[in-house]
Amino acid sequence: MEGIFTANNVWMMICTALVFFMHTGFAFLEIGLTRQKNTINILFKNIFIITVGLLLYYIGGFNLMYPGFEEGSVGFIDFAGFGISAPENGMTTEYADGGYTWWTDFLFQGMFAATAATIVSGAVAERMKIGPFMIFTIIYVGLVYPITGSWKWGGGFLDQMGFYDFAGSTLVHSVGGWAALVAVWLLGPRIGKFKNGKPQAIPGHNIPLATAGVLILWLGWFGFNGGSVLSADPELTSLTLVTTCLSAAAGGVVAALVSFLKYKNLDLTMFLNGILGGLVGITAGADVMTPESAIIIGAIAGTLIVFAVAFVDAIKLDDPVGAIAVHLICGIWGTLAVGIFSTNPEHTFLIQLKGVACYAAFCLVSSFLIIYTLKKIVGIRVSEKEELEGLDVHEHGMDAYPDFRLNEH
């Protein structure tokens, strides 16, 4: 038993490292799909999110997300106290059915916590002030994410209802996606994004870096979904990784194909976002899907990406990296897909839909209150001069590519 316990814990620690590595992927993707004059700003935000996110999760996030709801509790919000201290059985096989130690549990969940704000970072890139973004991150990661996480993963009311979200299509991706939607709406589009009402392409400055980012994210998803098995169970872990990969592959291929049929060009960025859409889509039910279902889920996610990106443009929202299409739309789809394709007959479409609605309502209201308040008190958008010249120079007094800038002049 000790050998199995050690193997389980080592696997969980490897998965923790893989999820941590996803922050490199997010940073690369966001940098690559935006302009070089905002690179330092994006990197600063991403580093801020992971560092402050971990500290916030230590201070109270973990105990807000896993408060230990008492029997008969409504299961909406509870708090187990500030800081973290391991329970008596936290380092033994009695804890978590021998899947991992209590310390590993904290760190693995902490890696997830920061991801929601990273999704918002991409959507608001190139025009949001760094100060208000940092305040938003502190409140959203410190309070909103753990409260909503407790509803399912902490044994709250949605868990009691039978709602299922294996690794976070809704709990992580849609929670970030709803906030991204609100933030983009309140911020307004970048200068030059819409001309005479028509969307204009603002190309990213480093597509190879964006491609590397997507491949790193795919690698990280081995930990994101594989670790969510919460042990090194050979059958369940291997099935989860197979469904994850097949959905990603189908999402990419179908997005590229649909994009080609719609726009008559082989768009690499659609291909990349299709892969991410497939990954987000399978995340809610990776452990309860057949390989065939995973391919269908990924294919539908890939199709949704193409039309969702066009729809976001059509309603005059400016999302530089496609975060709303990838994380919100495909997050919703993946969560509902559990009610359609799950091999567990207890999972129903109606309960999955109720869960999606609960997260939509809470995240829309909370993110609106945070961002709208910041907009009224301090302002959330940089000046026209700062936006045109770049946030790197004005917000940070630095340049990510000084030699290139020198040669430009």
Protein backbone atom coordinates (compact mmCIF):
# COMPACT_ATOMS: atom_id res chain seq x y z
CA MET A 1 0.00 0.00 0.00
CA GLU A 2 2.85 2.42 0.81
CA GLY A 3 4.32 1.82 -2.66
CA ILE A 4 1.00 2.66 -4.35
CA PHE A 5 0.61 5.72 -2.11
CA THR A 6 4.08 6.96 -3.11
CA ALA A 7 3.43 6.32 -6.81
CA ASN A 8 0.10 8.17 -6.61
CA ASN A 9 1.70 11.14 -4.87
CA VAL A 10 4.63 11.33 -7.29
CA TRP A 11 2.20 11.31 -10.25
CA MET A 12 0.20 14.12 -8.65
CA MET A 13 3.37 16.16 -8.11
CA ILE A 14 4.35 15.66 -11.76
CA CYS A 15 0.87 16.82 -12.79
CA THR A 16 1.26 19.86 -10.52
CA ALA A 17 4.46 20.74 -12.36
CA LEU A 18 2.75 20.28 -15.75
CA VAL A 19 -0.11 22.61 -14.76
CA PHE A 20 2.45 25.15 -13.55
CA PHE A 21 4.19 24.89 -16.94
CA MET A 22 0.89 25.86 -18.59
CA HIS A 23 1.53 29.43 -17.45
CA THR A 24 4.47 29.50 -19.87
CA GLY A 25 2.08 28.39 -22.60
CA PHE A 26 -0.48 31.05 -21.74
CA ALA A 27 2.23 33.73 -21.74
CA PHE A 28 3.68 32.60 -25.09
CA LEU A 29 0.25 32.40 -26.71
CA GLU A 30 -0.79 35.83 -25.47
CA ILE A 31 2.50 37.44 -26.50
CA GLY A 32 2.47 35.82 -29.92
CA LEU A 33 -1.07 36.90 -30.80
CA THR A 34 -0.54 40.54 -29.77
CA ARG A 35 1.85 43.30 -30.80
CA GLN A 36 5.44 43.51 -29.66
CA LYS A 37 4.99 46.90 -27.97
CA ASN A 38 2.90 45.22 -25.23
CA THR A 39 5.08 42.17 -24.53
CA ILE A 40 6.51 43.27 -21.16
CA ASN A 41 3.01 44.20 -19.99
CA ILE A 42 1.67 40.74 -20.83
CA LEU A 43 4.60 38.96 -19.19
CA PHE A 44 4.24 41.09 -16.06
CA LYS A 45 0.54 40.23 -15.79
CA ASN A 46 1.17 36.52 -16.20
CA ILE A 47 3.94 36.47 -13.58
CA PHE A 48 1.77 38.53 -11.21
CA ILE A 49 -1.14 36.11 -11.60
CA ILE A 50 0.79 32.96 -10.67
CA THR A 51 2.75 34.47 -7.79
CA VAL A 52 -0.08 36.41 -6.16
CA GLY A 53 -2.54 33.61 -6.98
CA LEU A 54 -0.52 31.10 -4.95
CA LEU A 55 -0.21 33.46 -1.99
CA LEU A 56 -3.94 34.23 -2.07
CA TYR A 57 -4.72 30.52 -2.20
CA TYR A 58 -2.55 30.06 0.88
CA ILE A 59 -4.08 32.99 2.77
CA GLY A 60 -7.69 31.90 2.35
CA GLY A 61 -8.52 30.55 -1.08
CA PHE A 62 -7.91 26.88 -0.31
CA ASN A 63 -10.06 26.95 2.83
CA LEU A 64 -12.75 28.93 1.02
CA MET A 65 -12.83 26.34 -1.77
CA TYR A 66 -12.64 23.30 0.51
CA PRO A 67 -14.36 24.51 3.69
CA GLY A 68 -15.79 21.14 4.70
CA PHE A 69 -19.50 21.92 4.38
CA GLU A 70 -21.43 20.46 7.30
CA GLU A 71 -24.19 17.97 6.67
CA GLY A 72 -27.42 19.80 5.94
CA SER A 73 -25.56 22.95 4.87
CA VAL A 74 -26.88 24.91 1.88
CA GLY A 75 -23.40 24.48 0.37
CA PHE A 76 -23.10 27.96 -1.11
CA ILE A 77 -20.28 29.52 0.93
CA ASP A 78 -18.27 28.58 4.01
CA PHE A 79 -14.75 29.21 5.30
CA ALA A 80 -12.38 26.94 7.19
CA GLY A 81 -10.06 29.72 8.37
CA PHE A 82 -6.98 31.62 7.25
CA GLY A 83 -3.70 29.95 6.34
CA ILE A 84 -3.09 26.24 5.88
CA SER A 85 -2.16 23.50 8.31
CA ALA A 86 -2.16 19.80 7.53
CA PRO A 87 -4.69 17.58 9.32
CA GLU A 88 -3.42 14.67 11.43
CA ASN A 89 -3.96 12.12 8.67
CA GLY A 90 -2.79 14.50 5.90
CA MET A 91 0.41 12.59 5.14
CA THR A 92 -1.08 9.11 5.35
CA THR A 93 -3.09 6.80 3.11
CA GLU A 94 -6.20 7.73 5.11
CA TYR A 95 -6.19 11.12 3.37
CA ALA A 96 -7.84 11.30 -0.08
CA ASP A 97 -8.05 7.50 -0.33
CA GLY A 98 -4.27 7.32 -0.58
CA GLY A 99 -4.17 9.39 -3.77
CA TYR A 100 -1.79 12.09 -2.50
CA THR A 101 -0.71 13.98 0.59
CA TRP A 102 -2.43 17.07 1.91
CA TRP A 103 0.48 19.30 0.83
CA THR A 104 0.29 17.97 -2.73
CA ASP A 105 -3.46 18.59 -2.66
CA PHE A 106 -2.94 22.26 -1.76
CA LEU A 107 -0.29 22.85 -4.42
CA PHE A 108 -2.14 21.04 -7.22
CA GLN A 109 -5.33 23.01 -6.55
CA GLY A 110 -3.33 26.22 -6.20
CA MET A 111 -2.00 25.82 -9.74
CA PHE A 112 -5.58 25.73 -11.04
CA ALA A 113 -6.59 28.84 -9.12
CA ALA A 114 -4.49 31.29 -11.10
CA THR A 115 -5.65 30.02 -14.50
CA ALA A 116 -9.01 31.84 -14.39
CA ALA A 117 -7.36 35.27 -14.25
CA THR A 118 -4.88 34.30 -16.99
CA ILE A 119 -7.84 33.80 -19.33
CA VAL A 120 -8.97 37.39 -18.64
CA SER A 121 -5.44 38.70 -19.22
CA GLY A 122 -5.52 37.60 -22.86
CA ALA A 123 -8.94 39.09 -23.55
CA VAL A 124 -8.05 42.55 -22.18
CA ALA A 125 -4.56 42.66 -23.69
CA GLU A 126 -3.13 45.87 -25.15
CA ARG A 127 -5.47 48.40 -23.55
CA MET A 128 -6.18 47.72 -19.86
CA LYS A 129 -4.29 49.57 -17.13
CA ILE A 130 -2.02 47.29 -15.13
CA GLY A 131 -3.16 48.58 -11.70
CA PRO A 132 -6.88 47.85 -12.08
CA PHE A 133 -6.05 44.47 -13.65
CA MET A 134 -3.98 43.56 -10.59
CA ILE A 135 -6.80 44.59 -8.24
CA PHE A 136 -9.29 42.57 -10.31
CA THR A 137 -6.98 39.53 -10.17
CA ILE A 138 -6.66 39.72 -6.39
CA ILE A 139 -10.43 39.82 -5.87
CA TYR A 140 -11.35 37.29 -8.57
CA VAL A 141 -8.68 34.71 -7.71
CA GLY A 142 -8.90 35.38 -3.97
CA LEU A 143 -12.68 35.25 -3.61
CA VAL A 144 -14.78 34.51 -6.71
CA TYR A 145 -12.88 31.46 -7.99
CA PRO A 146 -12.68 29.60 -4.64
CA ILE A 147 -16.32 30.33 -3.78
CA THR A 148 -17.54 28.98 -7.14
CA GLY A 149 -15.08 26.08 -6.90
CA SER A 150 -16.56 25.05 -3.56
CA TRP A 151 -19.98 24.54 -5.15
CA LYS A 152 -18.74 21.42 -6.94
CA TRP A 153 -15.23 20.41 -5.93
CA GLY A 154 -15.70 21.47 -2.31
CA GLY A 155 -18.86 19.39 -1.91
CA GLY A 156 -21.28 22.34 -2.20
CA PHE A 157 -24.83 22.57 -3.53
CA LEU A 158 -24.02 21.73 -7.17
CA ASP A 159 -22.10 18.64 -6.14
CA GLN A 160 -25.08 17.56 -4.04
CA MET A 161 -27.33 18.19 -7.06
CA GLY A 162 -25.26 15.82 -9.22
CA PHE A 163 -23.52 18.41 -11.40
CA TYR A 164 -20.30 17.06 -12.93
CA ASP A 165 -17.17 18.89 -14.02
CA PHE A 166 -14.16 16.60 -13.92
CA ALA A 167 -11.32 19.09 -14.38
CA GLY A 168 -12.87 22.49 -14.94
CA SER A 169 -14.53 23.21 -18.31
CA THR A 170 -16.83 25.41 -16.25
CA LEU A 171 -15.13 25.72 -12.85
CA VAL A 172 -11.91 27.05 -14.37
CA HIS A 173 -12.44 27.97 -18.03
CA SER A 174 -15.96 29.40 -18.01
CA VAL A 175 -15.32 31.17 -14.71
CA GLY A 176 -12.49 32.99 -16.48
CA GLY A 177 -14.47 33.27 -19.71
CA TRP A 178 -17.47 35.05 -18.17
CA ALA A 179 -15.14 37.61 -16.57
CA ALA A 180 -13.32 38.03 -19.89
CA LEU A 181 -16.63 38.75 -21.62
CA VAL A 182 -17.56 41.44 -19.08
CA ALA A 183 -14.08 42.99 -19.12
CA VAL A 184 -13.94 43.21 -22.93
CA TRP A 185 -17.40 44.79 -23.03
CA LEU A 186 -16.56 47.42 -20.39
CA LEU A 187 -13.14 48.19 -21.91
CA GLY A 188 -14.17 48.65 -25.51
CA PRO A 189 -12.15 47.64 -28.58
CA ARG A 190 -8.55 48.54 -29.35
CA ILE A 191 -7.93 51.58 -31.54
CA GLY A 192 -8.23 50.49 -35.16
CA LYS A 193 -10.02 47.20 -34.48
CA PHE A 194 -13.27 48.35 -36.10
CA LYS A 195 -13.41 50.61 -39.13
CA ASN A 196 -16.82 51.73 -40.40
CA GLY A 197 -18.31 49.00 -38.23
CA LYS A 198 -16.22 46.25 -39.82
CA PRO A 199 -13.60 44.26 -37.85
CA GLN A 200 -10.01 44.77 -38.96
CA ALA A 201 -7.24 42.23 -38.41
CA ILE A 202 -4.55 43.33 -35.93
CA PRO A 203 -1.91 40.64 -36.51
CA GLY A 204 0.13 39.22 -33.67
CA HIS A 205 3.86 39.83 -33.83
CA ASN A 206 5.14 36.30 -33.22
CA ILE A 207 3.05 33.39 -34.48
CA PRO A 208 5.87 30.83 -33.89
CA LEU A 209 5.78 31.81 -30.20
CA ALA A 210 1.97 31.43 -30.15
CA THR A 211 2.33 27.97 -31.71
CA ALA A 212 4.87 26.98 -29.06
CA GLY A 213 2.43 28.29 -26.45
CA VAL A 214 -0.38 26.04 -27.69
CA LEU A 215 1.87 22.96 -27.75
CA ILE A 216 3.03 23.75 -24.20
CA LEU A 217 -0.60 24.12 -23.11
CA TRP A 218 -1.45 20.77 -24.69
CA LEU A 219 1.44 19.20 -22.78
CA GLY A 220 0.24 20.90 -19.60
CA TRP A 221 -3.22 19.43 -20.11
CA PHE A 222 -1.74 15.99 -19.44
CA GLY A 223 -1.38 17.27 -15.89
CA PHE A 224 -4.56 19.36 -15.88
CA ASN A 225 -6.80 16.42 -16.79
CA GLY A 226 -4.49 13.54 -15.87
CA GLY A 227 -3.97 14.92 -12.37
CA SER A 228 -7.70 15.41 -11.90
CA VAL A 229 -8.03 11.63 -11.62
CA LEU A 230 -6.52 12.38 -8.18
CA SER A 231 -4.38 9.25 -8.22
CA ALA A 232 -2.18 7.30 -10.62
CA ASP A 233 -4.97 4.80 -11.32
CA PRO A 234 -3.64 3.12 -14.51
CA GLU A 235 -6.96 2.57 -16.30
CA LEU A 236 -8.61 5.90 -15.51
CA THR A 237 -5.48 7.99 -16.04
CA SER A 238 -4.68 6.42 -19.41
CA LEU A 239 -8.29 6.77 -20.62
CA THR A 240 -8.31 10.43 -19.53
CA LEU A 241 -5.13 11.19 -21.46
CA VAL A 242 -6.42 9.40 -24.58
CA THR A 243 -9.74 11.30 -24.61
CA THR A 244 -7.92 14.57 -23.92
CA CYS A 245 -5.55 14.12 -26.85
CA LEU A 246 -8.18 12.90 -29.30
CA SER A 247 -10.46 15.85 -28.53
CA ALA A 248 -7.57 18.29 -28.99
CA ALA A 249 -6.60 16.74 -32.32
CA ALA A 250 -10.20 16.72 -33.60
CA GLY A 251 -10.72 20.31 -32.44
CA GLY A 252 -7.66 21.51 -34.34
CA VAL A 253 -8.34 19.63 -37.57
CA VAL A 254 -12.04 20.56 -37.73
CA ALA A 255 -11.40 24.22 -36.87
CA ALA A 256 -8.82 24.42 -39.66
CA LEU A 257 -11.19 22.71 -42.10
CA VAL A 258 -14.26 24.80 -41.23
CA SER A 259 -12.15 27.97 -41.32
CA PHE A 260 -10.87 27.01 -44.78
CA LEU A 261 -14.40 26.35 -46.08
CA LYS A 262 -15.65 29.64 -44.61
CA TYR A 263 -12.72 31.95 -45.43
CA LYS A 264 -10.84 30.06 -48.17
CA ASN A 265 -7.50 30.20 -46.38
CA LEU A 266 -5.55 27.87 -44.09
CA ASP A 267 -5.52 29.97 -40.93
CA LEU A 268 -2.93 28.75 -38.41
CA THR A 269 -4.44 30.78 -35.56
CA MET A 270 -7.80 29.04 -36.07
CA PHE A 271 -5.97 25.70 -36.10
CA LEU A 272 -4.30 26.59 -32.79
CA ASN A 273 -7.46 27.86 -31.13
CA GLY A 274 -9.29 24.76 -32.37
CA ILE A 275 -6.81 22.60 -30.46
CA LEU A 276 -7.40 24.66 -27.33
CA GLY A 277 -11.16 24.51 -27.86
CA GLY A 278 -10.96 20.72 -28.05
CA LEU A 279 -8.93 20.63 -24.84
CA VAL A 280 -11.34 22.92 -22.98
CA GLY A 281 -14.33 20.97 -24.32
CA ILE A 282 -13.16 17.56 -23.09
CA THR A 283 -12.05 18.83 -19.68
CA ALA A 284 -15.46 18.48 -18.00
CA GLY A 285 -15.82 14.80 -18.83
CA ALA A 286 -12.46 13.38 -19.89
CA ASP A 287 -12.78 10.43 -17.48
CA VAL A 288 -16.33 9.46 -18.50
CA MET A 289 -16.06 9.57 -22.30
CA THR A 290 -15.29 6.95 -24.91
CA PRO A 291 -12.59 7.83 -27.47
CA GLU A 292 -15.30 8.18 -30.13
CA SER A 293 -17.25 10.65 -27.98
CA ALA A 294 -14.06 12.61 -27.33
CA ILE A 295 -13.50 13.04 -31.07
CA ILE A 296 -17.10 14.24 -31.55
CA ILE A 297 -16.79 16.69 -28.62
CA GLY A 298 -13.51 18.04 -30.01
CA ALA A 299 -14.92 18.32 -33.54
CA ILE A 300 -17.93 20.31 -32.33
CA ALA A 301 -15.63 22.51 -30.21
CA GLY A 302 -13.46 23.17 -33.28
CA THR A 303 -16.52 24.18 -35.28
CA LEU A 304 -17.75 26.41 -32.46
CA ILE A 305 -14.39 28.21 -32.35
CA VAL A 306 -14.65 29.44 -35.95
CA PHE A 307 -18.20 30.73 -35.59
CA ALA A 308 -17.68 32.08 -32.05
CA VAL A 309 -14.66 34.16 -33.11
CA ALA A 310 -16.75 35.61 -35.98
CA PHE A 311 -19.69 36.23 -33.63
CA VAL A 312 -17.54 38.06 -31.06
CA ASP A 313 -16.31 40.33 -33.85
CA ALA A 314 -19.85 40.81 -35.17
CA ILE A 315 -21.11 42.13 -31.83
CA LYS A 316 -18.17 44.59 -31.72
CA LEU A 317 -16.21 42.92 -28.92
CA ASP A 318 -12.43 42.90 -29.25
CA ASP A 319 -10.77 39.74 -27.90
CA PRO A 320 -7.15 39.68 -29.18
CA VAL A 321 -6.46 36.02 -28.37
CA GLY A 322 -9.91 34.43 -28.81
CA ALA A 323 -10.26 33.75 -25.07
CA ILE A 324 -14.06 34.12 -25.08
CA ALA A 325 -14.48 31.62 -27.91
CA VAL A 326 -12.01 29.11 -26.48
CA HIS A 327 -12.64 29.24 -22.75
CA LEU A 328 -16.24 30.44 -22.42
CA ILE A 329 -18.03 28.96 -25.44
CA CYS A 330 -16.11 25.67 -25.47
CA GLY A 331 -16.24 25.53 -21.67
CA ILE A 332 -20.03 25.69 -21.79
CA TRP A 333 -20.14 23.14 -24.60
CA GLY A 334 -17.85 20.71 -22.75
CA THR A 335 -19.93 20.94 -19.59
CA LEU A 336 -23.18 20.29 -21.46
CA ALA A 337 -21.51 17.47 -23.42
CA VAL A 338 -21.21 15.51 -20.17
CA GLY A 339 -25.00 15.34 -20.09
CA ILE A 340 -25.04 13.99 -23.65
CA PHE A 341 -22.05 11.65 -23.97
CA SER A 342 -21.10 10.55 -20.43
CA THR A 343 -20.85 6.81 -19.82
CA ASN A 344 -22.31 7.47 -16.35
CA PRO A 345 -26.13 7.36 -16.61
CA GLU A 346 -26.44 9.62 -13.55
CA HIS A 347 -25.12 12.59 -15.53
CA THR A 348 -28.01 14.48 -17.12
CA PHE A 349 -28.16 17.39 -19.53
CA LEU A 350 -30.62 19.36 -17.38
CA ILE A 351 -28.43 19.28 -14.28
CA GLN A 352 -25.38 20.27 -16.34
CA LEU A 353 -27.38 23.17 -17.78
CA LYS A 354 -28.42 24.29 -14.27
CA GLY A 355 -24.76 24.26 -13.24
CA VAL A 356 -23.74 26.37 -16.24
CA ALA A 357 -26.53 28.87 -15.43
CA CYS A 358 -25.43 29.17 -11.78
CA TYR A 359 -21.83 29.94 -12.78
CA ALA A 360 -22.96 32.36 -15.49
CA ALA A 361 -25.11 34.36 -13.08
CA PHE A 362 -22.55 34.56 -10.27
CA CYS A 363 -19.53 35.25 -12.48
CA LEU A 364 -21.26 37.85 -14.65
CA VAL A 365 -22.53 39.78 -11.64
CA SER A 366 -19.33 39.56 -9.57
CA SER A 367 -16.97 40.41 -12.43
CA PHE A 368 -19.22 43.31 -13.52
CA LEU A 369 -19.28 44.74 -9.98
CA ILE A 370 -15.49 44.50 -9.66
CA ILE A 371 -14.58 45.90 -13.09
CA TYR A 372 -17.34 48.53 -13.29
CA THR A 373 -16.39 49.84 -9.84
CA LEU A 374 -12.74 50.07 -10.92
CA LYS A 375 -13.81 51.82 -14.13
CA LYS A 376 -15.73 54.48 -12.19
CA ILE A 377 -13.15 55.02 -9.44
CA VAL A 378 -9.75 54.79 -11.16
CA GLY A 379 -10.45 54.07 -14.83
CA ILE A 380 -9.52 50.80 -16.48
CA ARG A 381 -8.31 51.90 -19.90
CA VAL A 382 -4.99 53.45 -20.82
CA SER A 383 -4.91 56.74 -22.74
CA GLU A 384 -4.91 56.84 -26.54
CA LYS A 385 -1.25 57.93 -26.52
CA GLU A 386 -0.25 55.05 -24.24
CA GLU A 387 -2.16 52.52 -26.34
CA LEU A 388 -0.63 53.72 -29.62
CA GLU A 389 2.93 53.85 -28.29
CA GLY A 390 2.62 50.64 -26.30
CA LEU A 391 2.05 49.66 -22.68
CA ASP A 392 5.63 48.46 -22.24
CA VAL A 393 7.10 51.95 -22.41
CA HIS A 394 4.33 53.72 -20.48
CA GLU A 395 3.41 51.15 -17.82
CA HIS A 396 6.84 49.59 -17.28
CA GLY A 397 9.50 51.86 -18.78
CA MET A 398 10.97 48.83 -20.57
CA ASP A 399 11.16 47.34 -24.03
CA ALA A 400 11.03 43.60 -24.72
CA TYR A 401 12.95 44.01 -27.99
CA PRO A 402 15.30 46.99 -27.52
CA ASP A 403 17.67 45.99 -30.36
CA PHE A 404 14.76 45.62 -32.77
CA ARG A 405 13.35 49.01 -31.77
CA LEU A 406 16.81 50.55 -32.24
CA ASN A 407 17.10 49.10 -35.74
CA GLU A 408 13.63 50.34 -36.59
CA HIS A 409 14.84 53.91 -36.31
